[in-house]
Protein backbone atom coordinates (compact mmCIF):
# COMPACT_ATOMS: atom_id res chain seq x y z
CA MET A 1 -74.85 30.84 80.38
CA ASN A 2 -71.07 30.22 81.74
CA ARG A 3 -68.49 31.66 80.16
CA THR A 4 -65.43 28.85 79.84
CA GLU A 5 -62.09 29.11 77.89
CA ALA A 6 -62.68 26.04 76.08
CA SER A 7 -64.29 25.75 72.79
CA GLU A 8 -68.08 25.40 72.55
CA PRO A 9 -69.21 22.27 73.83
CA GLY A 10 -70.63 21.00 70.71
CA THR A 11 -67.55 21.40 69.05
CA GLN A 12 -65.11 18.97 71.40
CA ARG A 13 -64.55 15.72 70.75
CA SER A 14 -65.64 13.06 73.54
CA GLY A 15 -61.83 12.97 74.76
CA HIS A 16 -61.66 16.43 75.52
CA LEU A 17 -64.92 16.51 77.31
CA VAL A 18 -63.76 13.52 79.41
CA ARG A 19 -60.36 14.87 80.01
CA PRO A 20 -61.06 17.91 82.64
CA LEU A 21 -64.04 15.60 84.27
CA VAL A 22 -61.48 12.86 85.42
CA PRO A 23 -59.70 15.36 88.25
CA LEU A 24 -63.15 16.26 89.60
CA ALA A 25 -63.87 12.99 89.84
CA LEU A 26 -60.61 12.39 91.90
CA ALA A 27 -61.64 15.12 94.22
CA THR A 28 -64.72 13.20 94.94
CA PHE A 29 -63.40 10.26 95.64
CA ALA A 30 -60.78 11.78 97.86
CA VAL A 31 -63.77 13.65 99.78
CA GLY A 32 -65.74 10.62 100.11
CA THR A 33 -62.92 8.43 101.17
CA ASP A 34 -61.92 11.13 103.49
CA ALA A 35 -65.65 11.05 104.85
CA PHE A 36 -66.47 7.30 105.81
CA VAL A 37 -62.67 5.65 106.05
CA ILE A 38 -62.70 7.00 109.75
CA ALA A 39 -65.05 5.19 111.10
CA GLY A 40 -63.11 2.13 110.60
CA LEU A 41 -59.93 3.41 112.17
CA LEU A 42 -61.97 4.56 115.38
CA PRO A 43 -60.17 2.06 117.39
CA ALA A 44 -56.67 2.59 116.33
CA ILE A 45 -57.28 6.54 116.44
CA ALA A 46 -58.79 5.89 120.17
CA ALA A 47 -55.57 4.19 121.50
CA ASP A 48 -53.28 6.16 119.86
CA LEU A 49 -54.84 9.49 121.11
CA ASP A 50 -55.60 7.97 124.46
CA VAL A 51 -59.41 8.59 124.44
CA SER A 52 -62.40 6.32 124.17
CA ILE A 53 -63.80 4.86 121.22
CA PRO A 54 -66.94 6.97 121.83
CA ALA A 55 -65.07 10.29 121.50
CA ALA A 56 -63.03 9.35 118.81
CA GLY A 57 -66.15 8.69 116.97
CA GLN A 58 -67.07 12.63 117.21
CA LEU A 59 -64.34 13.00 114.68
CA VAL A 60 -67.03 11.37 112.12
CA THR A 61 -69.69 13.46 113.53
CA VAL A 62 -67.89 16.65 113.53
CA PHE A 63 -67.11 16.52 110.16
CA ALA A 64 -70.46 15.42 108.81
CA LEU A 65 -72.20 18.28 110.74
CA THR A 66 -69.25 20.77 109.72
CA LEU A 67 -70.16 19.85 106.28
CA ALA A 68 -73.66 20.00 106.24
CA VAL A 69 -73.94 23.63 107.98
CA ALA A 70 -70.88 24.80 105.67
CA ALA A 71 -71.80 23.49 102.42
CA PRO A 72 -74.52 25.99 101.16
CA ILE A 73 -73.23 29.03 102.69
CA LEU A 74 -69.59 28.27 101.32
CA SER A 75 -70.98 27.47 97.90
CA TRP A 76 -72.54 30.82 97.95
CA LEU A 77 -69.36 32.46 99.08
CA LEU A 78 -67.46 30.95 96.49
CA SER A 79 -70.25 31.30 93.65
CA PRO A 80 -67.92 34.98 92.73
CA LEU A 81 -65.12 32.76 91.94
CA ASP A 82 -64.79 30.81 88.88
CA ARG A 83 -65.23 27.16 89.22
CA ARG A 84 -61.07 26.31 88.97
CA GLN A 85 -60.08 28.80 91.42
CA ALA A 86 -62.78 27.76 93.90
CA LEU A 87 -62.04 24.19 93.52
CA GLN A 88 -58.15 25.24 93.99
CA LEU A 89 -58.86 26.92 97.36
CA ALA A 90 -61.08 24.10 98.73
CA LEU A 91 -58.75 21.25 98.20
CA VAL A 92 -55.67 23.54 99.68
CA VAL A 93 -57.79 23.57 102.61
CA PHE A 94 -58.88 20.09 102.45
CA VAL A 95 -55.25 18.75 102.25
CA VAL A 96 -53.98 21.09 104.99
CA GLY A 97 -56.66 19.91 107.03
CA ASN A 98 -56.06 16.40 106.63
CA VAL A 99 -51.75 16.65 107.41
CA ILE A 100 -52.79 18.38 110.39
CA THR A 101 -54.74 15.28 111.35
CA ALA A 102 -52.29 13.07 110.21
CA LEU A 103 -49.65 15.41 112.73
CA SER A 104 -52.00 15.77 115.76
CA PRO A 105 -50.38 14.31 118.59
CA THR A 106 -53.42 15.21 120.91
CA TYR A 107 -57.35 14.33 120.29
CA LEU A 108 -58.44 18.53 120.39
CA LEU A 109 -56.31 19.16 117.66
CA ALA A 110 -57.46 16.28 115.38
CA LEU A 111 -60.80 17.58 116.43
CA LEU A 112 -60.06 20.93 115.19
CA ALA A 113 -58.28 19.37 112.32
CA ARG A 114 -61.24 17.29 110.85
CA ILE A 115 -63.56 20.75 111.30
CA LEU A 116 -60.89 22.59 108.63
CA THR A 117 -60.79 19.67 106.28
CA ALA A 118 -64.59 19.48 106.63
CA LEU A 119 -64.79 23.20 105.33
CA GLY A 120 -62.56 22.36 102.42
CA ALA A 121 -64.60 19.39 101.73
CA ALA A 122 -67.83 21.08 101.99
CA THR A 123 -68.26 23.07 98.60
CA ILE A 124 -65.82 20.14 96.29
CA THR A 125 -68.52 18.01 95.51
CA ALA A 126 -71.18 20.79 94.36
CA THR A 127 -68.33 22.74 92.75
CA ALA A 128 -67.22 19.84 90.88
CA ALA A 129 -70.64 19.00 89.73
CA SER A 130 -71.13 22.59 88.71
CA ALA A 131 -68.25 22.79 86.71
CA ALA A 132 -68.92 19.58 85.09
CA VAL A 133 -72.17 20.63 84.14
CA SER A 134 -70.80 23.88 82.82
CA ILE A 135 -68.27 22.39 80.43
CA THR A 136 -70.10 19.77 78.92
CA PRO A 137 -72.96 19.84 76.25
CA ALA A 138 -76.58 19.67 77.49
CA GLU A 139 -77.08 16.33 75.72
CA ARG A 140 -74.05 14.78 78.31
CA ARG A 141 -74.68 16.53 81.16
CA GLY A 142 -76.34 13.64 83.32
CA ARG A 143 -73.37 11.20 81.89
CA ALA A 144 -70.64 14.01 82.83
CA MET A 145 -72.22 14.48 86.62
CA ALA A 146 -72.47 10.75 87.02
CA LEU A 147 -68.89 10.35 86.05
CA VAL A 148 -67.96 13.23 88.72
CA ILE A 149 -70.52 11.92 91.48
CA GLY A 150 -68.96 8.55 90.51
CA GLY A 151 -65.80 9.42 92.17
CA LEU A 152 -67.69 9.74 95.59
CA THR A 153 -69.68 6.64 95.36
CA LEU A 154 -66.50 4.84 93.89
CA SER A 155 -64.69 5.67 97.37
CA THR A 156 -67.19 4.20 98.89
CA ALA A 157 -66.45 0.51 96.91
CA LEU A 158 -62.62 1.06 97.11
CA GLY A 159 -61.81 3.70 99.29
CA MET A 160 -63.33 2.70 102.68
CA PRO A 161 -61.32 -1.37 101.97
CA LEU A 162 -57.95 0.34 100.95
CA GLY A 163 -58.18 3.37 103.89
CA ASN A 164 -58.60 0.42 106.35
CA LEU A 165 -56.18 -1.58 104.49
CA ILE A 166 -53.45 1.48 105.03
CA GLY A 167 -54.69 2.34 108.18
CA SER A 168 -54.06 -1.41 109.86
CA VAL A 169 -50.49 -0.15 109.81
CA ASP A 170 -51.05 3.25 111.03
CA TRP A 171 -54.26 5.07 110.55
CA ARG A 172 -52.10 8.30 109.92
CA LEU A 173 -50.91 6.64 106.42
CA THR A 174 -54.58 6.67 105.57
CA LEU A 175 -54.59 10.73 106.10
CA TRP A 176 -51.59 10.88 104.43
CA ALA A 177 -52.78 8.96 101.67
CA VAL A 178 -56.10 11.06 101.35
CA ALA A 179 -53.84 14.20 101.47
CA ALA A 180 -51.88 13.36 98.37
CA LEU A 181 -55.12 12.33 96.32
CA GLY A 182 -56.29 16.29 97.11
CA VAL A 183 -52.74 17.30 95.89
CA VAL A 184 -53.07 14.97 92.81
CA ALA A 185 -56.68 16.18 92.36
CA ALA A 186 -55.77 20.05 92.42
CA ILE A 187 -52.93 19.72 90.11
CA GLY A 188 -55.19 17.77 87.34
CA ILE A 189 -57.66 20.46 87.93
CA SER A 190 -55.42 23.06 87.77
CA VAL A 191 -54.00 21.83 84.33
CA SER A 192 -57.06 20.36 82.52
CA LEU A 193 -60.01 22.39 83.55
CA PRO A 194 -60.85 25.47 81.94
CA ARG A 195 -61.49 28.81 83.65
CA VAL A 196 -65.27 28.63 83.94
CA VAL A 197 -67.48 31.90 85.15
CA LEU A 198 -71.07 31.54 86.45
CA PRO A 199 -73.55 34.27 85.16
CA ALA A 200 -73.13 37.53 87.22
CA THR A 201 -76.20 37.43 89.48
CA SER A 202 -77.13 38.90 92.62
CA LEU A 203 -77.80 37.03 95.62
CA THR A 204 -81.52 37.18 95.63
CA ALA A 205 -81.54 36.01 92.31
CA ARG A 206 -79.47 32.68 93.35
CA LEU A 207 -81.89 32.08 96.19
CA ALA A 208 -85.01 32.77 94.18
CA PRO A 209 -85.09 28.72 93.47
CA LEU A 210 -85.54 28.54 97.17
CA ARG A 211 -88.85 29.80 96.88
CA GLN A 212 -89.89 27.27 94.43
CA PRO A 213 -91.60 24.23 95.80
CA LYS A 214 -90.28 21.78 93.41
CA VAL A 215 -87.05 22.67 94.41
CA LEU A 216 -87.82 22.19 98.04
CA THR A 217 -89.37 19.08 96.92
CA ILE A 218 -86.44 17.55 95.54
CA LEU A 219 -84.12 18.76 98.69
CA VAL A 220 -86.68 17.07 101.11
CA ALA A 221 -87.00 13.71 98.97
CA THR A 222 -83.19 13.71 99.15
CA LEU A 223 -82.88 14.15 102.67
CA LEU A 224 -85.84 11.29 103.01
CA VAL A 225 -84.53 8.64 100.70
CA MET A 226 -80.74 9.12 102.12
CA GLY A 227 -82.51 8.62 105.28
CA GLY A 228 -84.12 5.61 104.25
CA HIS A 229 -80.73 3.89 102.82
CA TYR A 230 -78.60 5.12 105.87
CA THR A 231 -81.03 3.45 108.23
CA VAL A 232 -79.83 0.63 106.53
CA TYR A 233 -76.39 0.92 105.55
CA THR A 234 -75.06 2.10 109.09
CA TYR A 235 -76.16 -1.07 110.50
CA ILE A 236 -75.59 -3.45 107.78
CA GLY A 237 -73.16 -5.05 109.57
CA ALA A 238 -75.55 -6.19 112.33
CA MET A 239 -77.87 -6.96 110.01
CA THR A 240 -76.28 -9.41 108.28
CA THR A 241 -74.33 -11.67 111.19
CA GLU A 242 -76.46 -14.53 110.02
CA ALA A 243 -75.00 -14.44 106.73
CA THR A 244 -71.32 -13.73 107.97
CA THR A 245 -70.95 -15.56 110.93
CA GLY A 246 -69.22 -19.00 110.07
CA SER A 247 -68.40 -17.75 106.46
CA ILE A 248 -65.31 -16.01 104.65
CA PRO A 249 -63.70 -13.99 107.06
CA GLN A 250 -64.26 -10.99 104.53
CA ALA A 251 -67.96 -11.62 104.17
CA LEU A 252 -69.16 -8.11 105.46
CA THR A 253 -66.60 -6.85 102.84
CA VAL A 254 -67.80 -8.66 100.07
CA ILE A 255 -71.44 -7.31 100.84
CA LEU A 256 -69.93 -4.01 101.39
CA PHE A 257 -68.29 -4.21 97.80
CA ALA A 258 -70.98 -5.51 95.81
CA TRP A 259 -72.88 -2.25 97.44
CA GLY A 260 -70.34 -0.12 96.44
CA THR A 261 -70.64 -1.68 92.86
CA GLY A 262 -73.99 -1.16 92.75
CA VAL A 263 -74.14 2.34 93.59
CA PHE A 264 -71.20 2.93 91.36
CA GLY A 265 -73.40 1.62 88.34
CA GLY A 266 -76.43 3.01 89.08
CA ASN A 267 -74.28 6.68 89.10
CA PHE A 268 -73.80 5.57 85.24
CA LEU A 269 -77.26 4.28 84.71
CA ALA A 270 -78.98 7.35 85.66
CA GLY A 271 -76.84 9.86 83.84
CA TYR A 272 -77.27 7.93 80.36
CA LEU A 273 -81.42 8.02 81.44
CA VAL A 274 -81.80 11.36 82.37
CA ASP A 275 -80.00 12.24 79.16
CA LYS A 276 -82.43 10.37 77.05
CA ARG A 277 -85.95 10.57 79.24
CA PRO A 278 -87.54 12.80 81.48
CA ALA A 279 -85.91 13.04 84.49
CA LEU A 280 -89.13 12.72 87.24
CA GLY A 281 -89.57 9.17 85.38
CA VAL A 282 -85.82 8.22 86.46
CA ALA A 283 -86.25 10.29 89.90
CA VAL A 284 -89.76 8.32 90.59
CA THR A 285 -88.14 4.86 89.56
CA ALA A 286 -84.79 5.00 91.58
CA LEU A 287 -86.95 6.01 94.74
CA ALA A 288 -89.48 3.51 94.06
CA GLY A 289 -87.14 0.63 93.70
CA GLY A 290 -85.22 1.81 96.75
CA THR A 291 -87.98 1.60 98.63
CA VAL A 292 -88.89 -2.17 97.15
CA PHE A 293 -85.07 -3.36 97.90
CA LEU A 294 -85.06 -1.53 101.35
CA ALA A 295 -88.60 -3.42 102.04
CA ILE A 296 -87.73 -6.88 101.33
CA SER A 297 -84.13 -6.44 103.02
CA PRO A 298 -85.19 -8.99 105.96
CA LEU A 299 -85.83 -11.56 103.45
CA THR A 300 -82.37 -11.32 102.39
CA VAL A 301 -80.22 -11.04 105.07
CA SER A 302 -79.30 -14.50 106.22
CA HIS A 303 -77.50 -16.15 103.42
CA LEU A 304 -74.25 -14.62 102.08
CA ALA A 305 -75.19 -15.05 98.37
CA ILE A 306 -78.48 -13.73 98.36
CA ALA A 307 -77.42 -10.72 100.38
CA CYS A 308 -74.46 -9.64 97.99
CA VAL A 309 -77.13 -9.60 94.87
CA TRP A 310 -79.66 -7.67 97.35
CA ALA A 311 -77.19 -5.00 97.92
CA ALA A 312 -75.69 -4.76 94.29
CA ILE A 313 -79.23 -3.89 93.15
CA TRP A 314 -80.37 -2.16 96.04
CA GLY A 315 -76.96 0.02 96.14
CA VAL A 316 -77.95 0.81 92.23
CA THR A 317 -81.17 2.51 93.36
CA ASP A 318 -79.49 4.39 95.83
CA GLY A 319 -76.71 5.61 93.49
CA MET A 320 -79.62 6.35 90.63
CA ALA A 321 -81.39 8.83 92.85
CA SER A 322 -78.11 10.87 93.56
CA VAL A 323 -77.43 11.31 90.14
CA VAL A 324 -80.87 12.17 88.85
CA GLN A 325 -81.73 14.42 92.46
CA GLN A 326 -78.55 16.82 91.39
CA HIS A 327 -79.45 16.72 87.58
CA ARG A 328 -83.27 17.94 88.53
CA LEU A 329 -81.77 20.86 90.64
CA VAL A 330 -79.08 22.07 88.08
CA THR A 331 -81.49 21.90 85.21
CA PHE A 332 -84.15 24.10 87.07
CA ALA A 333 -81.62 27.06 87.76
CA PRO A 334 -78.21 26.45 85.99
CA ALA A 335 -77.08 30.02 87.60
CA SER A 336 -78.09 28.70 90.95
CA ALA A 337 -76.31 25.39 90.60
CA PRO A 338 -73.48 26.22 93.49
CA VAL A 339 -76.01 27.06 95.93
CA LEU A 340 -78.70 24.33 95.00
CA LEU A 341 -75.75 21.27 94.96
CA GLY A 342 -74.61 22.82 98.57
CA LEU A 343 -78.05 22.41 99.67
CA ASN A 344 -78.25 18.83 98.43
CA SER A 345 -75.12 17.93 100.30
CA SER A 346 -76.58 19.12 103.11
CA ALA A 347 -79.44 17.32 102.57
CA ILE A 348 -77.52 14.33 101.87
CA TYR A 349 -75.50 14.32 104.93
CA VAL A 350 -78.76 15.31 107.32
CA GLY A 351 -79.98 12.28 105.53
CA VAL A 352 -77.33 9.92 106.77
CA ALA A 353 -77.31 11.49 110.13
CA VAL A 354 -81.04 10.86 110.48
CA GLY A 355 -80.80 7.12 109.14
CA GLY A 356 -78.02 6.61 111.63
CA ALA A 357 -80.24 8.06 114.77
CA LEU A 358 -83.57 6.36 113.12
CA GLY A 359 -81.72 2.73 113.03
CA GLY A 360 -80.59 3.13 116.35
CA LEU A 361 -83.66 4.01 117.52
CA THR A 362 -85.83 1.83 115.91
CA GLN A 363 -84.03 -1.04 117.74
CA ASP A 364 -85.00 -0.30 120.76
CA TRP A 365 -88.47 -2.03 119.71
CA LEU A 366 -87.54 -3.91 116.14
CA SER A 367 -84.83 -6.74 115.39
CA VAL A 368 -81.73 -5.20 113.74
CA THR A 369 -82.95 -7.46 110.45
CA LEU A 370 -86.03 -5.42 110.23
CA LEU A 371 -84.47 -1.95 110.18
CA GLY A 372 -85.40 -2.13 106.41
CA VAL A 373 -89.26 -1.80 107.32
CA PRO A 374 -88.85 2.22 108.84
CA ALA A 375 -86.52 2.81 106.24
CA ALA A 376 -88.65 1.64 103.23
CA VAL A 377 -91.27 4.05 104.84
CA LEU A 378 -88.94 7.16 104.57
CA ALA A 379 -88.31 6.00 100.71
CA LEU A 380 -91.84 5.77 100.01
CA LEU A 381 -92.38 9.17 101.56
CA ALA A 382 -89.85 10.66 99.10
CA THR A 383 -91.44 8.52 96.31
CA THR A 384 -94.72 9.82 97.41
CA ILE A 385 -93.71 13.30 97.12
CA THR A 386 -91.96 13.16 94.17
CA VAL A 387 -95.10 11.97 92.46
CA ALA A 388 -97.06 14.49 94.00
CA GLU A 389 -95.06 17.57 92.80
CA GLY A 390 -94.95 16.18 89.53
CA ARG A 391 -98.43 15.72 88.81
CA ALA A 392 -98.90 19.41 90.52
CA ASN A 393 -96.18 20.22 88.19
CA ARG A 394 -98.55 19.32 85.02
CA GLU A 395 -101.25 20.73 86.49
CA ARG A 396 -99.34 24.25 86.92
CA THR A 397 -97.97 23.99 82.91
CA SER A 398 -99.93 24.77 79.88
CA PRO A 399 -99.54 22.15 77.36
CA GLY A 400 -97.13 24.32 75.09
CA THR A 401 -94.89 24.98 77.78
CA PRO A 402 -92.04 22.55 78.34
CA GLU A 403 -91.90 21.23 81.58
CA TYR A 404 -89.31 21.02 84.58
CA SER A 405 -89.61 17.48 84.78
CA GLN A 406 -88.85 16.61 81.84
């Protein structure tokens, strides 16, 4: 087990367990806001740096690609450090990258600064999640992960709108605000997170879980379902044009807020359920639910009220999937949690890229309002391989042996 400076988890009171989780959630909130808010600031950035909007959009692309590639590599390189030191280092790089971006007088410097920022952000979510697992009793780990990952998803509901509001004055102020969040998170982690040291294991031992079919299945399923969700989410503005046209000025913001609220609620619902029920069943429920609500999206996007209800429930399935998949990875191989969660982050961001590309290409032969159909196919594939893996695992496991899926 992990070594910490804290007392045994079972003897800690609830308040003592929550206190170190709050700055971890703040750190993931900062990362999520930073990752997504730039997209809404592209026109202002393009005008200020004297480049086209597509060129400014590469600030988003280079951030996502750097994060996807760097997450598993840096998670492994930083695994010998205790979780507090690893987070402090990552947050310093993250904050410096945002400060340089905010001060950038040229497009090239801003692009390089976004790469630096992504290198810092690459390990924050995975390291925060592994730290939360390490300091929390086994029977409460799902809820602890939900709280930490909830910071990431809350950024989509609150961070993006607030960032865009600040950016309407000056886009650079948004980056300063994100940097400030990183500083506050770093201080909170330094003060409240105990020293957490992972078990001393070799690189071969840390990578050993990657040879297990169930680990690969989880990662592939995550990539597929995120690809499905972001096929729709990336183009949600265009999909809901009929519902938002002629309605209130903030109609799209209301839909996105409903979705983000649903994701946030789905995080905590999944965290509660995986602490009480077999994780495989929770995963199948989340994946199958996502499949259904993506498939019915063409029937819901023409009326604002219906679109908001649909977006909220669809968001619940997205939020549930994020937590339960990470919980399954950590449960299977706790000592390899940093590497596995880093790979999971890569799977998520590759899925986001796949979803955006699929949604764009599909519009050459399908109406934008029908994007939920190919998206549902990806989610269905994720559900199918998860069910198949669960059945194969039951066949491999003797009756008297506890199953990983449980």
